[in-house]
Amino acid sequence: MMAKLVTKIHELRREQKISQSELAEKVNIRRETLSHLENGKYNPSLKLAMDIANVFGKTVEEVFQFVDTEE
């Protein structure tokens, strides 16, 4: 069994009306990196995960979750 990282970044951005570019600038990464994060193609460092969670006033666990998969 494998674990896949699932993020709520996209939903949180929509709720707070923040674009990918705006969020990327706030956490000092490229917009493309943020896109990869949202699409599950990239796992963030702990610092980046904490920075993103802080922007939304959430805990890391509220933004990022590992889900077991059958891969």
C-alpha atoms as a PDB file:
ATOM      1  CA  MET A   1       0.000   0.000   0.000  1.00  0.00           C
ATOM      2  CA  MET A   2       1.251   3.485  -0.864  1.00  0.00           C
ATOM      3  CA  ALA A   3       0.447   6.889   0.598  1.00  0.00           C
ATOM      4  CA  LYS A   4      -0.451   9.786  -1.666  1.00  0.00           C
ATOM      5  CA  LEU A   5      -0.240  13.420  -0.583  1.00  0.00           C
ATOM      6  CA  VAL A   6      -3.534  15.274  -0.977  1.00  0.00           C
ATOM      7  CA  THR A   7      -3.695  19.044  -0.564  1.00  0.00           C
ATOM      8  CA  LYS A   8      -6.494  21.529  -0.041  1.00  0.00           C
ATOM      9  CA  ILE A   9      -4.468  24.429  -1.445  1.00  0.00           C
ATOM     10  CA  HIS A  10      -6.732  24.935  -4.454  1.00  0.00           C
ATOM     11  CA  GLU A  11      -9.927  25.048  -2.372  1.00  0.00           C
ATOM     12  CA  LEU A  12      -8.338  27.385   0.189  1.00  0.00           C
ATOM     13  CA  ARG A  13      -7.104  29.701  -2.563  1.00  0.00           C
ATOM     14  CA  ARG A  14     -10.589  29.847  -4.076  1.00  0.00           C
ATOM     15  CA  GLU A  15     -12.201  30.538  -0.694  1.00  0.00           C
ATOM     16  CA  GLN A  16      -9.804  33.401   0.002  1.00  0.00           C
ATOM     17  CA  LYS A  17      -9.649  34.587  -3.635  1.00  0.00           C
ATOM     18  CA  ILE A  18      -5.864  34.223  -3.883  1.00  0.00           C
ATOM     19  CA  SER A  19      -4.303  33.409  -7.267  1.00  0.00           C
ATOM     20  CA  GLN A  20      -1.522  30.866  -7.693  1.00  0.00           C
ATOM     21  CA  SER A  21       0.868  33.723  -8.463  1.00  0.00           C
ATOM     22  CA  GLU A  22      -0.094  35.621  -5.304  1.00  0.00           C
ATOM     23  CA  LEU A  23       0.327  32.581  -3.061  1.00  0.00           C
ATOM     24  CA  ALA A  24       3.593  31.597  -4.738  1.00  0.00           C
ATOM     25  CA  GLU A  25       4.951  35.095  -4.120  1.00  0.00           C
ATOM     26  CA  LYS A  26       3.899  34.993  -0.446  1.00  0.00           C
ATOM     27  CA  VAL A  27       5.791  31.737   0.179  1.00  0.00           C
ATOM     28  CA  ASN A  28       8.703  32.541  -2.149  1.00  0.00           C
ATOM     29  CA  ILE A  29       8.277  29.792  -4.755  1.00  0.00           C
ATOM     30  CA  ARG A  30       7.528  29.764  -8.491  1.00  0.00           C
ATOM     31  CA  ARG A  31       3.908  29.581  -9.626  1.00  0.00           C
ATOM     32  CA  GLU A  32       4.764  26.373 -11.512  1.00  0.00           C
ATOM     33  CA  THR A  33       5.939  24.765  -8.263  1.00  0.00           C
ATOM     34  CA  LEU A  34       2.636  25.670  -6.637  1.00  0.00           C
ATOM     35  CA  SER A  35       0.760  24.185  -9.583  1.00  0.00           C
ATOM     36  CA  HIS A  36       2.707  20.926  -9.172  1.00  0.00           C
ATOM     37  CA  LEU A  37       1.881  20.939  -5.455  1.00  0.00           C
ATOM     38  CA  GLU A  38      -1.830  21.385  -6.134  1.00  0.00           C
ATOM     39  CA  ASN A  39      -1.784  18.563  -8.687  1.00  0.00           C
ATOM     40  CA  GLY A  40       0.047  16.112  -6.426  1.00  0.00           C
ATOM     41  CA  LYS A  41       3.189  16.048  -8.571  1.00  0.00           C
ATOM     42  CA  TYR A  42       5.430  17.540  -5.885  1.00  0.00           C
ATOM     43  CA  ASN A  43       5.764  17.032  -2.139  1.00  0.00           C
ATOM     44  CA  PRO A  44       6.640  20.172  -0.188  1.00  0.00           C
ATOM     45  CA  SER A  45       9.414  20.504   2.348  1.00  0.00           C
ATOM     46  CA  LEU A  46       8.210  20.850   5.919  1.00  0.00           C
ATOM     47  CA  LYS A  47       9.099  24.554   5.876  1.00  0.00           C
ATOM     48  CA  LEU A  48       7.121  25.164   2.676  1.00  0.00           C
ATOM     49  CA  ALA A  49       4.141  23.199   4.015  1.00  0.00           C
ATOM     50  CA  MET A  50       4.206  25.312   7.182  1.00  0.00           C
ATOM     51  CA  ASP A  51       4.561  28.561   5.204  1.00  0.00           C
ATOM     52  CA  ILE A  52       1.560  27.694   3.018  1.00  0.00           C
ATOM     53  CA  ALA A  53      -0.543  26.665   6.018  1.00  0.00           C
ATOM     54  CA  ASN A  54       0.351  29.929   7.784  1.00  0.00           C
ATOM     55  CA  VAL A  55      -0.856  32.010   4.826  1.00  0.00           C
ATOM     56  CA  PHE A  56      -4.298  30.438   5.245  1.00  0.00           C
ATOM     57  CA  GLY A  57      -4.248  30.472   9.058  1.00  0.00           C
ATOM     58  CA  LYS A  58      -4.445  26.665   9.097  1.00  0.00           C
ATOM     59  CA  THR A  59      -2.339  23.841  10.481  1.00  0.00           C
ATOM     60  CA  VAL A  60      -0.214  21.735   8.144  1.00  0.00           C
ATOM     61  CA  GLU A  61      -2.578  18.819   8.805  1.00  0.00           C
ATOM     62  CA  GLU A  62      -5.562  20.899   7.667  1.00  0.00           C
ATOM     63  CA  VAL A  63      -3.890  21.673   4.331  1.00  0.00           C
ATOM     64  CA  PHE A  64      -1.951  18.466   3.617  1.00  0.00           C
ATOM     65  CA  GLN A  65      -3.024  14.864   4.193  1.00  0.00           C
ATOM     66  CA  PHE A  66      -1.604  11.483   3.271  1.00  0.00           C
ATOM     67  CA  VAL A  67      -4.182   9.060   1.882  1.00  0.00           C
ATOM     68  CA  ASP A  68      -3.488   5.325   1.491  1.00  0.00           C
ATOM     69  CA  THR A  69      -3.782   4.072  -2.084  1.00  0.00           C
ATOM     70  CA  GLU A  70      -3.667   0.620  -3.677  1.00  0.00           C
ATOM     71  CA  GLU A  71      -0.781   1.386  -6.062  1.00  0.00           C
END
